[in-house]
């Protein structure tokens, strides 16, 4: 019941405010001092003199949309040089088994299997010419004879 009375009071107050606004808008009258200057405009006086334009345009520049005709250039024959590929390196059989986190030194240890031999290696160590560059949870980056490879973790 209270909500119904509140809604009626609010509706009545909104109608009252809009009524006052509309009354002020429709009862507004222009005073003679507020008339617009356009209503007093009768045209140009004959006595006024028109000044000549003092701007001179020099249009002696190049047309940006007209391109000059370009002479046809004969194509030169290019010699193709063979691409020398780096020598292929025979990588040993490397298998990345997983990681172990060393809490004392805050380092990651990698479990690797190189040519069937299992070993635990940290980053920046080199064993049998294989350098461990970076250890991640799911992969490892290895360098062998100046070539890099990434190995993914073996899923069992």
Protein backbone atom coordinates (compact mmCIF):
# COMPACT_ATOMS: atom_id res chain seq x y z
CA UNK A 1 0.00 0.00 0.00
CA UNK A 2 2.83 2.39 0.81
CA UNK A 3 4.45 1.71 -2.56
CA UNK A 4 1.24 2.62 -4.39
CA UNK A 5 0.97 5.92 -2.55
CA UNK A 6 4.63 6.71 -3.23
CA UNK A 7 4.15 6.05 -6.96
CA UNK A 8 1.11 8.38 -7.07
CA UNK A 9 3.04 11.14 -5.30
CA UNK A 10 6.01 10.77 -7.67
CA UNK A 11 3.80 10.79 -10.78
CA UNK A 12 1.99 13.88 -9.54
CA UNK A 13 5.28 15.71 -8.82
CA UNK A 14 6.70 14.82 -12.26
CA UNK A 15 3.52 16.10 -13.97
CA UNK A 16 3.68 19.30 -11.91
CA UNK A 17 7.33 19.96 -12.86
CA UNK A 18 6.69 19.33 -16.58
CA UNK A 19 3.61 21.52 -16.44
CA UNK A 20 5.64 24.42 -15.05
CA UNK A 21 8.31 23.92 -17.72
CA UNK A 22 5.76 23.85 -20.57
CA UNK A 23 3.98 26.92 -19.16
CA UNK A 24 7.23 28.91 -19.15
CA UNK A 25 8.11 27.82 -22.69
CA UNK A 26 4.74 28.75 -24.21
CA UNK A 27 4.33 32.00 -22.27
CA UNK A 28 7.74 33.35 -23.33
CA UNK A 29 7.50 36.50 -25.45
CA UNK A 30 10.27 38.23 -27.29
CA UNK A 31 11.02 41.77 -26.31
CA UNK A 32 11.91 44.28 -29.05
CA UNK A 33 15.55 44.48 -27.87
CA UNK A 34 15.96 40.70 -28.27
CA UNK A 35 14.93 40.62 -31.91
CA UNK A 36 17.38 38.90 -34.19
CA UNK A 37 19.54 41.03 -36.48
CA UNK A 38 18.32 39.07 -39.52
CA UNK A 39 14.85 40.60 -39.23
CA UNK A 40 16.28 44.14 -39.60
CA UNK A 41 18.38 43.28 -42.65
CA UNK A 42 17.15 45.12 -45.71
CA UNK A 43 20.01 44.43 -48.07
CA UNK A 44 23.23 46.18 -49.01
CA UNK A 45 23.37 49.91 -49.11
CA UNK A 46 24.26 51.45 -52.43
CA UNK A 47 26.77 53.72 -50.74
CA UNK A 48 28.96 50.88 -49.51
CA UNK A 49 32.01 50.18 -51.59
CA UNK A 50 33.18 46.69 -52.36
CA UNK A 51 36.89 46.22 -51.90
CA UNK A 52 38.77 44.33 -54.58
CA UNK A 53 40.30 41.04 -53.59
CA UNK A 54 44.01 41.46 -52.82
CA UNK A 55 44.92 37.79 -53.04
CA UNK A 56 46.74 36.61 -56.14
CA UNK A 57 47.04 32.89 -56.89
CA UNK A 58 50.12 31.70 -58.72
CA UNK A 59 49.24 28.28 -60.12
CA UNK A 60 52.58 27.47 -61.70
CA UNK A 61 53.23 24.31 -59.70
CA UNK A 62 53.24 20.71 -60.88
CA UNK A 63 49.91 18.92 -61.14
CA UNK A 64 50.10 16.14 -58.52
CA UNK A 65 47.60 13.95 -60.37
CA UNK A 66 49.36 14.00 -63.72
CA UNK A 67 52.40 11.86 -63.63
CA UNK A 68 55.04 12.37 -66.29
CA UNK A 69 55.47 9.54 -68.75
CA UNK A 70 58.26 7.34 -67.50
CA UNK A 71 60.67 5.90 -70.06
CA UNK A 72 60.64 2.13 -70.41
CA UNK A 73 63.65 0.57 -68.71
CA UNK A 74 64.97 -2.65 -70.11
CA UNK A 75 65.15 -5.46 -67.61
CA UNK A 76 68.58 -6.75 -66.78
CA UNK A 77 69.16 -10.43 -66.47
CA UNK A 78 69.89 -11.40 -62.92
CA UNK A 79 72.23 -14.19 -62.09
CA UNK A 80 70.95 -16.56 -59.47
CA UNK A 81 73.44 -17.59 -56.86
CA UNK A 82 72.95 -20.99 -55.28
CA UNK A 83 72.08 -20.91 -51.60
CA UNK A 84 74.64 -22.64 -49.49
CA UNK A 85 72.95 -24.50 -46.70
CA UNK A 86 74.83 -25.09 -43.48
CA UNK A 87 76.22 -28.57 -43.17
CA UNK A 88 73.78 -30.98 -41.66
CA UNK A 89 74.72 -32.17 -38.19
CA UNK A 90 73.94 -35.66 -37.01
CA UNK A 91 72.26 -35.11 -33.66
CA UNK A 92 72.47 -37.83 -31.06
CA UNK A 93 69.17 -39.36 -29.91
CA UNK A 94 67.93 -36.88 -27.28
CA UNK A 95 64.76 -37.42 -25.28
CA UNK A 96 63.42 -34.88 -22.77
CA UNK A 97 61.81 -36.75 -19.87
CA UNK A 98 60.77 -33.90 -17.56
CA UNK A 99 61.89 -31.42 -14.90
CA UNK A 100 62.76 -31.38 -11.22
CA UNK A 101 62.66 -28.15 -9.21
CA UNK A 102 65.57 -27.72 -6.81
CA UNK A 103 64.21 -25.75 -3.82
CA UNK A 104 67.62 -25.07 -2.28
CA UNK A 105 69.17 -23.38 -5.32
CA UNK A 106 65.91 -22.28 -7.00
CA UNK A 107 66.95 -23.95 -10.28
CA UNK A 108 65.19 -26.25 -12.69
CA UNK A 109 66.84 -29.60 -13.39
CA UNK A 110 66.10 -31.45 -16.64
CA UNK A 111 65.87 -35.20 -16.99
CA UNK A 112 67.42 -36.10 -20.35
CA UNK A 113 68.15 -39.28 -22.16
CA UNK A 114 71.09 -38.85 -24.56
CA UNK A 115 71.87 -41.89 -26.72
CA UNK A 116 70.13 -44.16 -24.21
CA UNK A 117 72.00 -42.70 -21.19
CA UNK A 118 69.86 -40.89 -18.63
CA UNK A 119 71.19 -37.78 -16.90
CA UNK A 120 70.09 -34.81 -14.77
CA UNK A 121 71.30 -31.46 -16.14
CA UNK A 122 70.89 -27.77 -15.18
CA UNK A 123 70.83 -24.80 -17.56
CA UNK A 124 74.10 -23.62 -19.15
CA UNK A 125 75.85 -26.96 -18.73
CA UNK A 126 77.53 -28.93 -21.47
CA UNK A 127 77.79 -32.71 -21.64
CA UNK A 128 79.13 -34.64 -24.66
CA UNK A 129 79.07 -31.46 -26.80
CA UNK A 130 75.40 -30.83 -26.00
CA UNK A 131 74.74 -27.49 -24.27
CA UNK A 132 71.46 -26.93 -22.43
CA UNK A 133 70.36 -23.39 -23.27
CA UNK A 134 66.93 -23.11 -21.61
CA UNK A 135 64.68 -25.40 -19.55
CA UNK A 136 60.89 -25.02 -19.60
CA UNK A 137 58.12 -27.17 -18.10
CA UNK A 138 57.10 -28.64 -21.47
CA UNK A 139 60.25 -28.24 -23.59
CA UNK A 140 63.98 -27.72 -23.58
CA UNK A 141 66.30 -25.77 -25.90
CA UNK A 142 69.56 -27.50 -26.76
CA UNK A 143 72.63 -26.40 -28.77
CA UNK A 144 74.88 -28.90 -30.54
CA UNK A 145 77.72 -27.84 -32.88
CA UNK A 146 76.37 -24.25 -33.21
CA UNK A 147 72.86 -25.42 -34.12
CA UNK A 148 69.84 -25.09 -31.84
CA UNK A 149 66.85 -27.36 -31.44
CA UNK A 150 63.88 -27.51 -29.12
CA UNK A 151 62.70 -30.84 -27.74
CA UNK A 152 59.24 -31.39 -26.31
CA UNK A 153 58.56 -33.42 -23.19
CA UNK A 154 57.83 -37.09 -23.89
CA UNK A 155 54.30 -38.01 -22.83
CA UNK A 156 54.00 -41.54 -21.50
